Amino acid sequence: MAISEFDRVFTQLETTPRLLKSVFSELPAESVGARGSKGGFSAVEHAWHMADLESEGYGLRISRLLSETEPHLPDFEGDRIARERRYHEKSLLEGLNRFASARSQNLAQLRRVTEPQWRRFGVQEGVGRLALSDLPKMMLEHDRSHLRELVELLDEILPEASALARLEAALSA
């Protein structure tokens, strides 16, 4: 990844937890558990999914790619985990804080990666061959998919929310 591209991706990855905290702080308490008519995650479920994937998915992948030779990386079954862990009953703020903490740890670890380490790879279930250098962009695309889902959710349940415009602006950046 070129330096300017690397910086852009890392800046956006750093921004997501702060953006979500800002957006979710504007939501009325009764709406954080609301799901849209098409299903999908509520705000609190988004926060916990992103927190768990950040630590148990991306964090684990980063560690294993750095420490093992061609590891097999299991898929993170987000929908199943959300049901089993009952995300809808959890604290939104705690989920956001855990996401921010795990993201910070992952970015700190990725910033220490050497040029040869970026080329280390493994095989991720459902994805195939995956180099460590692929992870930051994969993380960013995952963030962006959740931002798009949140735009759809807020557009349905709180169309007047000012947070909607900030999410849309983040997606167009």
N, C-alpha and C. Protein backbone atom coordinates (compact mmCIF):
# COMPACT_ATOMS: atom_id res chain seq x y z
N MET A 1 0.85 -1.16 0.00
CA MET A 1 0.00 0.00 0.00
C MET A 1 0.91 1.23 0.00
N ALA A 2 0.65 2.17 -0.90
CA ALA A 2 1.43 3.40 -0.96
C ALA A 2 1.22 4.20 0.32
N ILE A 3 2.22 5.00 0.67
CA ILE A 3 2.16 5.75 1.92
C ILE A 3 0.90 6.61 2.00
N SER A 4 0.56 7.35 0.97
CA SER A 4 -0.61 8.22 1.03
C SER A 4 -1.90 7.40 1.17
N GLU A 5 -1.97 6.29 0.49
CA GLU A 5 -3.14 5.41 0.61
C GLU A 5 -3.19 4.81 2.02
N PHE A 6 -2.05 4.40 2.52
CA PHE A 6 -1.94 3.86 3.87
C PHE A 6 -2.44 4.87 4.89
N ASP A 7 -1.98 6.11 4.78
CA ASP A 7 -2.40 7.16 5.71
C ASP A 7 -3.90 7.43 5.61
N ARG A 8 -4.43 7.46 4.40
CA ARG A 8 -5.85 7.72 4.20
C ARG A 8 -6.69 6.63 4.86
N VAL A 9 -6.34 5.37 4.63
CA VAL A 9 -7.08 4.25 5.20
C VAL A 9 -7.00 4.29 6.73
N PHE A 10 -5.80 4.51 7.28
CA PHE A 10 -5.65 4.55 8.73
C PHE A 10 -6.43 5.71 9.34
N THR A 11 -6.42 6.86 8.68
CA THR A 11 -7.18 8.01 9.18
C THR A 11 -8.66 7.68 9.24
N GLN A 12 -9.17 7.05 8.20
CA GLN A 12 -10.59 6.69 8.19
C GLN A 12 -10.89 5.63 9.25
N LEU A 13 -9.99 4.67 9.43
CA LEU A 13 -10.19 3.65 10.47
C LEU A 13 -10.20 4.28 11.86
N GLU A 14 -9.36 5.28 12.08
CA GLU A 14 -9.34 5.98 13.37
C GLU A 14 -10.62 6.76 13.61
N THR A 15 -11.21 7.25 12.54
CA THR A 15 -12.37 8.13 12.62
C THR A 15 -13.66 7.38 12.96
N THR A 16 -13.80 6.15 12.52
CA THR A 16 -15.07 5.43 12.67
C THR A 16 -15.57 5.35 14.12
N PRO A 17 -14.74 4.96 15.09
CA PRO A 17 -15.29 4.90 16.46
C PRO A 17 -15.79 6.26 16.96
N ARG A 18 -15.05 7.32 16.66
CA ARG A 18 -15.49 8.66 17.09
C ARG A 18 -16.79 9.07 16.40
N LEU A 19 -16.88 8.76 15.11
CA LEU A 19 -18.10 9.08 14.36
C LEU A 19 -19.30 8.35 14.96
N LEU A 20 -19.14 7.06 15.23
CA LEU A 20 -20.25 6.29 15.81
C LEU A 20 -20.65 6.82 17.18
N LYS A 21 -19.67 7.16 18.01
CA LYS A 21 -20.00 7.71 19.33
C LYS A 21 -20.80 9.01 19.17
N SER A 22 -20.38 9.85 18.25
CA SER A 22 -21.06 11.11 18.02
C SER A 22 -22.48 10.89 17.50
N VAL A 23 -22.61 10.03 16.51
CA VAL A 23 -23.92 9.75 15.91
C VAL A 23 -24.85 9.12 16.94
N PHE A 24 -24.37 8.11 17.65
CA PHE A 24 -25.22 7.40 18.59
C PHE A 24 -25.57 8.25 19.81
N SER A 25 -24.74 9.24 20.14
CA SER A 25 -25.04 10.10 21.28
C SER A 25 -26.29 10.96 21.02
N GLU A 26 -26.64 11.14 19.77
CA GLU A 26 -27.81 11.93 19.41
C GLU A 26 -29.10 11.12 19.36
N LEU A 27 -28.98 9.81 19.43
CA LEU A 27 -30.17 8.98 19.32
C LEU A 27 -30.96 8.97 20.62
N PRO A 28 -32.26 9.10 20.54
CA PRO A 28 -33.07 8.94 21.75
C PRO A 28 -32.89 7.51 22.29
N ALA A 29 -32.87 7.39 23.59
CA ALA A 29 -32.62 6.09 24.23
C ALA A 29 -33.55 5.01 23.71
N GLU A 30 -34.80 5.36 23.44
CA GLU A 30 -35.76 4.34 22.99
C GLU A 30 -35.50 3.86 21.56
N SER A 31 -34.62 4.54 20.82
CA SER A 31 -34.37 4.13 19.43
C SER A 31 -33.13 3.27 19.25
N VAL A 32 -32.27 3.15 20.27
CA VAL A 32 -31.01 2.42 20.08
C VAL A 32 -31.23 0.93 19.84
N GLY A 33 -32.36 0.40 20.24
CA GLY A 33 -32.66 -1.01 20.01
C GLY A 33 -33.58 -1.26 18.83
N ALA A 34 -33.97 -0.18 18.14
CA ALA A 34 -34.91 -0.32 17.02
C ALA A 34 -34.22 -0.87 15.78
N ARG A 35 -34.90 -1.78 15.13
CA ARG A 35 -34.43 -2.33 13.85
C ARG A 35 -35.32 -1.77 12.75
N GLY A 36 -34.76 -1.74 11.55
CA GLY A 36 -35.54 -1.28 10.41
C GLY A 36 -36.51 -2.36 9.94
N SER A 37 -37.39 -1.99 9.04
CA SER A 37 -38.40 -2.93 8.54
C SER A 37 -37.78 -4.06 7.73
N LYS A 38 -36.59 -3.86 7.20
CA LYS A 38 -35.91 -4.90 6.42
C LYS A 38 -35.07 -5.81 7.31
N GLY A 39 -35.13 -5.58 8.62
CA GLY A 39 -34.31 -6.37 9.53
C GLY A 39 -32.96 -5.71 9.72
N GLY A 40 -31.94 -6.49 9.90
CA GLY A 40 -30.61 -5.94 10.14
C GLY A 40 -30.42 -5.59 11.60
N PHE A 41 -29.27 -5.03 11.90
CA PHE A 41 -28.92 -4.69 13.27
C PHE A 41 -29.53 -3.37 13.69
N SER A 42 -29.80 -3.27 14.98
CA SER A 42 -30.14 -2.00 15.60
C SER A 42 -28.82 -1.27 15.90
N ALA A 43 -28.89 -0.05 16.39
CA ALA A 43 -27.68 0.71 16.73
C ALA A 43 -26.83 -0.05 17.75
N VAL A 44 -27.45 -0.55 18.81
CA VAL A 44 -26.69 -1.26 19.84
C VAL A 44 -26.07 -2.54 19.27
N GLU A 45 -26.76 -3.21 18.39
CA GLU A 45 -26.22 -4.43 17.79
C GLU A 45 -25.05 -4.11 16.85
N HIS A 46 -25.14 -3.00 16.13
CA HIS A 46 -24.01 -2.57 15.30
C HIS A 46 -22.78 -2.35 16.17
N ALA A 47 -22.96 -1.63 17.27
CA ALA A 47 -21.83 -1.31 18.14
C ALA A 47 -21.15 -2.58 18.67
N TRP A 48 -21.95 -3.53 19.15
CA TRP A 48 -21.37 -4.76 19.71
C TRP A 48 -20.78 -5.65 18.64
N HIS A 49 -21.42 -5.73 17.49
CA HIS A 49 -20.85 -6.52 16.39
C HIS A 49 -19.48 -5.97 16.01
N MET A 50 -19.41 -4.66 15.86
CA MET A 50 -18.14 -4.06 15.46
C MET A 50 -17.08 -4.24 16.54
N ALA A 51 -17.48 -4.16 17.81
CA ALA A 51 -16.53 -4.37 18.91
C ALA A 51 -15.99 -5.80 18.90
N ASP A 52 -16.88 -6.77 18.80
CA ASP A 52 -16.44 -8.16 18.83
C ASP A 52 -15.64 -8.54 17.59
N LEU A 53 -16.07 -8.08 16.43
CA LEU A 53 -15.31 -8.39 15.22
C LEU A 53 -13.93 -7.74 15.28
N GLU A 54 -13.86 -6.55 15.81
CA GLU A 54 -12.57 -5.85 15.89
C GLU A 54 -11.57 -6.63 16.73
N SER A 55 -12.04 -7.17 17.88
CA SER A 55 -11.11 -7.90 18.74
C SER A 55 -10.97 -9.37 18.35
N GLU A 56 -12.08 -10.06 18.15
CA GLU A 56 -12.05 -11.50 17.91
C GLU A 56 -11.85 -11.86 16.44
N GLY A 57 -12.12 -10.93 15.56
CA GLY A 57 -11.91 -11.15 14.13
C GLY A 57 -10.59 -10.52 13.69
N TYR A 58 -10.59 -9.21 13.56
CA TYR A 58 -9.41 -8.52 13.04
C TYR A 58 -8.21 -8.63 13.97
N GLY A 59 -8.43 -8.44 15.27
CA GLY A 59 -7.31 -8.54 16.21
C GLY A 59 -6.65 -9.91 16.17
N LEU A 60 -7.47 -10.94 16.14
CA LEU A 60 -6.95 -12.31 16.06
C LEU A 60 -6.22 -12.54 14.74
N ARG A 61 -6.79 -12.07 13.64
CA ARG A 61 -6.15 -12.24 12.33
C ARG A 61 -4.79 -11.55 12.29
N ILE A 62 -4.73 -10.34 12.80
CA ILE A 62 -3.46 -9.60 12.81
C ILE A 62 -2.43 -10.37 13.61
N SER A 63 -2.78 -10.80 14.81
CA SER A 63 -1.85 -11.54 15.67
C SER A 63 -1.38 -12.82 15.02
N ARG A 64 -2.31 -13.56 14.46
CA ARG A 64 -1.94 -14.85 13.87
C ARG A 64 -1.12 -14.68 12.60
N LEU A 65 -1.45 -13.69 11.79
CA LEU A 65 -0.66 -13.45 10.57
C LEU A 65 0.77 -13.02 10.93
N LEU A 66 0.94 -12.33 12.03
CA LEU A 66 2.27 -11.92 12.45
C LEU A 66 3.06 -13.03 13.13
N SER A 67 2.39 -13.98 13.73
CA SER A 67 3.09 -14.98 14.54
C SER A 67 3.11 -16.39 13.95
N GLU A 68 2.27 -16.68 12.97
CA GLU A 68 2.18 -18.03 12.43
C GLU A 68 2.50 -18.03 10.95
N THR A 69 2.90 -19.16 10.44
CA THR A 69 3.15 -19.33 9.02
C THR A 69 1.89 -19.84 8.34
N GLU A 70 1.35 -19.04 7.44
CA GLU A 70 0.17 -19.37 6.65
C GLU A 70 -0.97 -19.95 7.49
N PRO A 71 -1.43 -19.21 8.49
CA PRO A 71 -2.50 -19.74 9.34
C PRO A 71 -3.84 -19.86 8.61
N HIS A 72 -4.64 -20.80 9.08
CA HIS A 72 -6.04 -20.89 8.65
C HIS A 72 -6.81 -19.95 9.58
N LEU A 73 -7.51 -18.98 9.00
CA LEU A 73 -8.22 -17.97 9.77
C LEU A 73 -9.72 -18.23 9.67
N PRO A 74 -10.36 -18.56 10.78
CA PRO A 74 -11.80 -18.85 10.72
C PRO A 74 -12.61 -17.60 10.42
N ASP A 75 -13.79 -17.82 9.86
CA ASP A 75 -14.73 -16.74 9.62
C ASP A 75 -15.29 -16.27 10.96
N PHE A 76 -15.76 -15.05 11.00
CA PHE A 76 -16.43 -14.51 12.18
C PHE A 76 -17.91 -14.49 11.85
N GLU A 77 -18.69 -15.34 12.49
CA GLU A 77 -20.11 -15.47 12.18
C GLU A 77 -20.92 -14.44 12.96
N GLY A 78 -20.94 -13.22 12.43
CA GLY A 78 -21.51 -12.09 13.13
C GLY A 78 -22.97 -12.23 13.51
N ASP A 79 -23.80 -12.72 12.60
CA ASP A 79 -25.22 -12.85 12.91
C ASP A 79 -25.46 -13.87 14.02
N ARG A 80 -24.79 -15.00 13.94
CA ARG A 80 -24.94 -16.03 14.98
C ARG A 80 -24.45 -15.51 16.33
N ILE A 81 -23.30 -14.86 16.32
CA ILE A 81 -22.73 -14.34 17.56
C ILE A 81 -23.64 -13.28 18.17
N ALA A 82 -24.23 -12.43 17.33
CA ALA A 82 -25.15 -11.39 17.82
C ALA A 82 -26.33 -12.02 18.56
N ARG A 83 -26.87 -13.09 18.00
CA ARG A 83 -28.00 -13.77 18.65
C ARG A 83 -27.56 -14.42 19.96
N GLU A 84 -26.46 -15.17 19.89
CA GLU A 84 -26.01 -15.92 21.07
C GLU A 84 -25.61 -14.99 22.22
N ARG A 85 -25.00 -13.88 21.89
CA ARG A 85 -24.54 -12.96 22.94
C ARG A 85 -25.59 -11.92 23.31
N ARG A 86 -26.71 -11.98 22.64
CA ARG A 86 -27.85 -11.11 22.95
C ARG A 86 -27.45 -9.64 22.95
N TYR A 87 -26.85 -9.23 21.85
CA TYR A 87 -26.40 -7.85 21.72
C TYR A 87 -27.51 -6.85 22.02
N HIS A 88 -28.72 -7.19 21.63
CA HIS A 88 -29.83 -6.25 21.80
C HIS A 88 -30.11 -5.90 23.26
N GLU A 89 -29.56 -6.69 24.19
CA GLU A 89 -29.77 -6.43 25.61
C GLU A 89 -28.59 -5.70 26.26
N LYS A 90 -27.59 -5.40 25.50
CA LYS A 90 -26.36 -4.83 26.05
C LYS A 90 -26.37 -3.30 26.04
N SER A 91 -25.38 -2.74 26.69
CA SER A 91 -25.21 -1.29 26.76
C SER A 91 -24.57 -0.76 25.48
N LEU A 92 -25.22 0.21 24.88
CA LEU A 92 -24.68 0.84 23.68
C LEU A 92 -23.33 1.48 23.98
N LEU A 93 -23.23 2.24 25.05
CA LEU A 93 -21.99 2.93 25.37
C LEU A 93 -20.84 1.95 25.60
N GLU A 94 -21.12 0.86 26.30
CA GLU A 94 -20.07 -0.13 26.53
C GLU A 94 -19.60 -0.74 25.21
N GLY A 95 -20.53 -1.04 24.31
CA GLY A 95 -20.16 -1.58 23.01
C GLY A 95 -19.30 -0.60 22.22
N LEU A 96 -19.68 0.67 22.22
CA LEU A 96 -18.90 1.70 21.52
C LEU A 96 -17.50 1.83 22.12
N ASN A 97 -17.41 1.81 23.45
CA ASN A 97 -16.11 1.92 24.11
C ASN A 97 -15.22 0.72 23.79
N ARG A 98 -15.82 -0.45 23.78
CA ARG A 98 -15.03 -1.65 23.45
C ARG A 98 -14.55 -1.62 21.99
N PHE A 99 -15.42 -1.15 21.11
CA PHE A 99 -15.01 -1.02 19.70
C PHE A 99 -13.85 -0.04 19.59
N ALA A 100 -13.97 1.12 20.23
CA ALA A 100 -12.91 2.14 20.15
C ALA A 100 -11.59 1.60 20.71
N SER A 101 -11.65 0.89 21.81
CA SER A 101 -10.45 0.34 22.42
C SER A 101 -9.80 -0.72 21.53
N ALA A 102 -10.61 -1.65 21.02
CA ALA A 102 -10.07 -2.71 20.16
C ALA A 102 -9.50 -2.11 18.87
N ARG A 103 -10.18 -1.12 18.31
CA ARG A 103 -9.68 -0.49 17.08
C ARG A 103 -8.34 0.19 17.34
N SER A 104 -8.25 0.89 18.46
CA SER A 104 -7.01 1.58 18.81
C SER A 104 -5.85 0.57 18.95
N GLN A 105 -6.11 -0.55 19.61
CA GLN A 105 -5.09 -1.58 19.78
C GLN A 105 -4.66 -2.15 18.43
N ASN A 106 -5.64 -2.42 17.56
CA ASN A 106 -5.31 -2.99 16.25
C ASN A 106 -4.49 -2.02 15.42
N LEU A 107 -4.87 -0.76 15.43
CA LEU A 107 -4.12 0.23 14.64
C LEU A 107 -2.71 0.41 15.19
N ALA A 108 -2.56 0.38 16.49
CA ALA A 108 -1.22 0.49 17.09
C ALA A 108 -0.36 -0.70 16.65
N GLN A 109 -0.96 -1.87 16.65
CA GLN A 109 -0.21 -3.06 16.22
C GLN A 109 0.14 -2.97 14.74
N LEU A 110 -0.79 -2.53 13.91
CA LEU A 110 -0.53 -2.42 12.48
C LEU A 110 0.52 -1.35 12.17
N ARG A 111 0.59 -0.32 12.96
CA ARG A 111 1.59 0.72 12.73
C ARG A 111 3.02 0.22 12.99
N ARG A 112 3.14 -0.84 13.75
CA ARG A 112 4.46 -1.42 14.03
C ARG A 112 4.89 -2.46 13.01
N VAL A 113 4.03 -2.78 12.07
CA VAL A 113 4.32 -3.82 11.08
C VAL A 113 5.44 -3.35 10.15
N THR A 114 6.38 -4.25 9.90
CA THR A 114 7.49 -3.94 8.98
C THR A 114 7.08 -4.29 7.55
N GLU A 115 7.83 -3.77 6.61
CA GLU A 115 7.51 -4.02 5.20
C GLU A 115 7.41 -5.52 4.88
N PRO A 116 8.36 -6.36 5.30
CA PRO A 116 8.21 -7.79 5.01
C PRO A 116 6.99 -8.42 5.68
N GLN A 117 6.62 -7.93 6.86
CA GLN A 117 5.47 -8.49 7.55
C GLN A 117 4.16 -8.22 6.82
N TRP A 118 4.08 -7.10 6.11
CA TRP A 118 2.85 -6.80 5.36
C TRP A 118 2.55 -7.90 4.34
N ARG A 119 3.58 -8.61 3.89
CA ARG A 119 3.38 -9.65 2.86
C ARG A 119 3.05 -11.02 3.45
N ARG A 120 3.02 -11.15 4.77
CA ARG A 120 2.65 -12.42 5.39
C ARG A 120 1.19 -12.71 5.05
N PHE A 121 0.86 -13.97 4.87
CA PHE A 121 -0.51 -14.30 4.50
C PHE A 121 -1.00 -15.56 5.19
N GLY A 122 -2.29 -15.71 5.14
CA GLY A 122 -2.97 -16.90 5.64
C GLY A 122 -4.14 -17.16 4.71
N VAL A 123 -4.97 -18.10 5.09
CA VAL A 123 -6.16 -18.42 4.32
C VAL A 123 -7.36 -18.23 5.24
N GLN A 124 -8.21 -17.29 4.87
CA GLN A 124 -9.40 -17.02 5.67
C GLN A 124 -10.58 -17.78 5.09
N GLU A 125 -11.28 -18.47 5.97
CA GLU A 125 -12.48 -19.21 5.61
C GLU A 125 -13.47 -18.27 4.93
N GLY A 126 -13.94 -18.68 3.76
CA GLY A 126 -14.92 -17.88 3.03
C GLY A 126 -14.34 -16.76 2.21
N VAL A 127 -13.04 -16.49 2.37
CA VAL A 127 -12.39 -15.39 1.65
C VAL A 127 -11.29 -15.91 0.74
N GLY A 128 -10.48 -16.81 1.29
CA GLY A 128 -9.33 -17.33 0.55
C GLY A 128 -8.04 -16.72 1.08
N ARG A 129 -7.05 -16.68 0.21
CA ARG A 129 -5.73 -16.17 0.59
C ARG A 129 -5.85 -14.70 0.98
N LEU A 130 -5.24 -14.36 2.11
CA LEU A 130 -5.36 -13.02 2.67
C LEU A 130 -3.99 -12.60 3.20
N ALA A 131 -3.48 -11.49 2.66
CA ALA A 131 -2.22 -10.93 3.16
C ALA A 131 -2.52 -9.95 4.28
N LEU A 132 -1.57 -9.78 5.17
CA LEU A 132 -1.73 -8.80 6.23
C LEU A 132 -2.03 -7.42 5.64
N SER A 133 -1.42 -7.11 4.52
CA SER A 133 -1.63 -5.81 3.87
C SER A 133 -3.07 -5.62 3.40
N ASP A 134 -3.83 -6.71 3.27
CA ASP A 134 -5.23 -6.62 2.86
C ASP A 134 -6.15 -6.20 4.02
N LEU A 135 -5.72 -6.42 5.25
CA LEU A 135 -6.60 -6.22 6.40
C LEU A 135 -7.07 -4.78 6.60
N PRO A 136 -6.19 -3.77 6.52
CA PRO A 136 -6.71 -2.42 6.74
C PRO A 136 -7.84 -2.04 5.76
N LYS A 137 -7.69 -2.37 4.51
CA LYS A 137 -8.75 -2.06 3.54
C LYS A 137 -9.99 -2.89 3.81
N MET A 138 -9.82 -4.13 4.23
CA MET A 138 -10.96 -4.99 4.58
C MET A 138 -11.70 -4.39 5.78
N MET A 139 -10.95 -3.92 6.76
CA MET A 139 -11.56 -3.30 7.94
C MET A 139 -12.34 -2.05 7.54
N LEU A 140 -11.76 -1.25 6.64
CA LEU A 140 -12.41 -0.03 6.21
C LEU A 140 -13.69 -0.34 5.43
N GLU A 141 -13.65 -1.33 4.58
CA GLU A 141 -14.86 -1.69 3.83
C GLU A 141 -15.94 -2.19 4.77
N HIS A 142 -15.55 -2.92 5.80
CA HIS A 142 -16.52 -3.38 6.79
C HIS A 142 -17.13 -2.18 7.51
N ASP A 143 -16.31 -1.22 7.92
CA ASP A 143 -16.82 0.00 8.54
C ASP A 143 -17.84 0.67 7.63
N ARG A 144 -17.47 0.82 6.37
CA ARG A 144 -18.32 1.53 5.42
C ARG A 144 -19.65 0.79 5.20
N SER A 145 -19.60 -0.54 5.23
CA SER A 145 -20.85 -1.29 5.06
C SER A 145 -21.78 -1.02 6.25
N HIS A 146 -21.22 -0.92 7.45
CA HIS A 146 -22.05 -0.60 8.62
C HIS A 146 -22.56 0.83 8.56
N LEU A 147 -21.75 1.75 8.08
CA LEU A 147 -22.22 3.13 7.94
C LEU A 147 -23.39 3.20 6.96
N ARG A 148 -23.30 2.44 5.86
CA ARG A 148 -24.40 2.41 4.89
C ARG A 148 -25.66 1.83 5.54
N GLU A 149 -25.50 0.76 6.30
CA GLU A 149 -26.66 0.16 6.98
C GLU A 149 -27.25 1.13 8.00
N LEU A 150 -26.40 1.88 8.67
CA LEU A 150 -26.90 2.85 9.64
C LEU A 150 -27.63 4.00 8.96
N VAL A 151 -27.18 4.40 7.78
CA VAL A 151 -27.90 5.43 7.02
C VAL A 151 -29.31 4.92 6.72
N GLU A 152 -29.40 3.69 6.24
CA GLU A 152 -30.72 3.11 5.94
C GLU A 152 -31.59 3.04 7.19
N LEU A 153 -31.01 2.60 8.30
CA LEU A 153 -31.75 2.47 9.55
C LEU A 153 -32.26 3.84 10.02
N LEU A 154 -31.36 4.81 10.10
CA LEU A 154 -31.77 6.13 10.59
C LEU A 154 -32.73 6.81 9.63
N ASP A 155 -32.55 6.59 8.35
CA ASP A 155 -33.46 7.18 7.37
C ASP A 155 -34.89 6.68 7.60
N GLU A 156 -35.00 5.46 8.09
CA GLU A 156 -36.32 4.89 8.36
C GLU A 156 -36.85 5.27 9.74
N ILE A 157 -36.03 5.14 10.77
CA ILE A 157 -36.57 5.31 12.12
C ILE A 157 -36.45 6.75 12.65
N LEU A 158 -35.47 7.51 12.15
CA LEU A 158 -35.27 8.90 12.60
C LEU A 158 -34.84 9.77 11.42
N PRO A 159 -35.68 9.93 10.41
CA PRO A 159 -35.26 10.65 9.20
C PRO A 159 -34.86 12.09 9.44
N GLU A 160 -35.30 12.68 10.54
CA GLU A 160 -34.95 14.07 10.84
C GLU A 160 -33.63 14.20 11.60
N ALA A 161 -33.00 13.10 11.97
CA ALA A 161 -31.77 13.13 12.78
C ALA A 161 -30.64 13.81 12.01
N SER A 162 -29.98 14.75 12.67
CA SER A 162 -28.84 15.43 12.04
C SER A 162 -27.67 14.47 11.84
N ALA A 163 -27.65 13.40 12.63
CA ALA A 163 -26.59 12.40 12.50
C ALA A 163 -26.61 11.73 11.13
N LEU A 164 -27.76 11.67 10.52
CA LEU A 164 -27.89 11.06 9.21
C LEU A 164 -26.99 11.75 8.19
N ALA A 165 -26.97 13.07 8.20
CA ALA A 165 -26.13 13.83 7.27
C ALA A 165 -24.65 13.56 7.52
N ARG A 166 -24.24 13.42 8.79
CA ARG A 166 -22.83 13.14 9.08
C ARG A 166 -22.42 11.76 8.59
N LEU A 167 -23.31 10.79 8.72
CA LEU A 167 -23.02 9.44 8.20
C LEU A 167 -22.88 9.49 6.68
N GLU A 168 -23.79 10.17 6.04
CA GLU A 168 -23.73 10.28 4.58
C GLU A 168 -22.46 10.99 4.13
N ALA A 169 -22.06 12.03 4.84
CA ALA A 169 -20.82 12.76 4.51
C ALA A 169 -19.60 11.85 4.68
N ALA A 170 -19.59 11.04 5.72
CA ALA A 170 -18.47 10.13 5.95
C ALA A 170 -18.38 9.11 4.82
N LEU A 171 -19.51 8.68 4.32
CA LEU A 171 -19.50 7.71 3.22
C LEU A 171 -19.04 8.31 1.91
N SER A 172 -19.25 9.60 1.74
CA SER A 172 -18.84 10.24 0.47
C SER A 172 -17.40 10.72 0.52
N ALA A 173 -16.77 10.64 1.69
CA ALA A 173 -15.36 11.10 1.84
C ALA A 173 -14.40 10.10 1.23
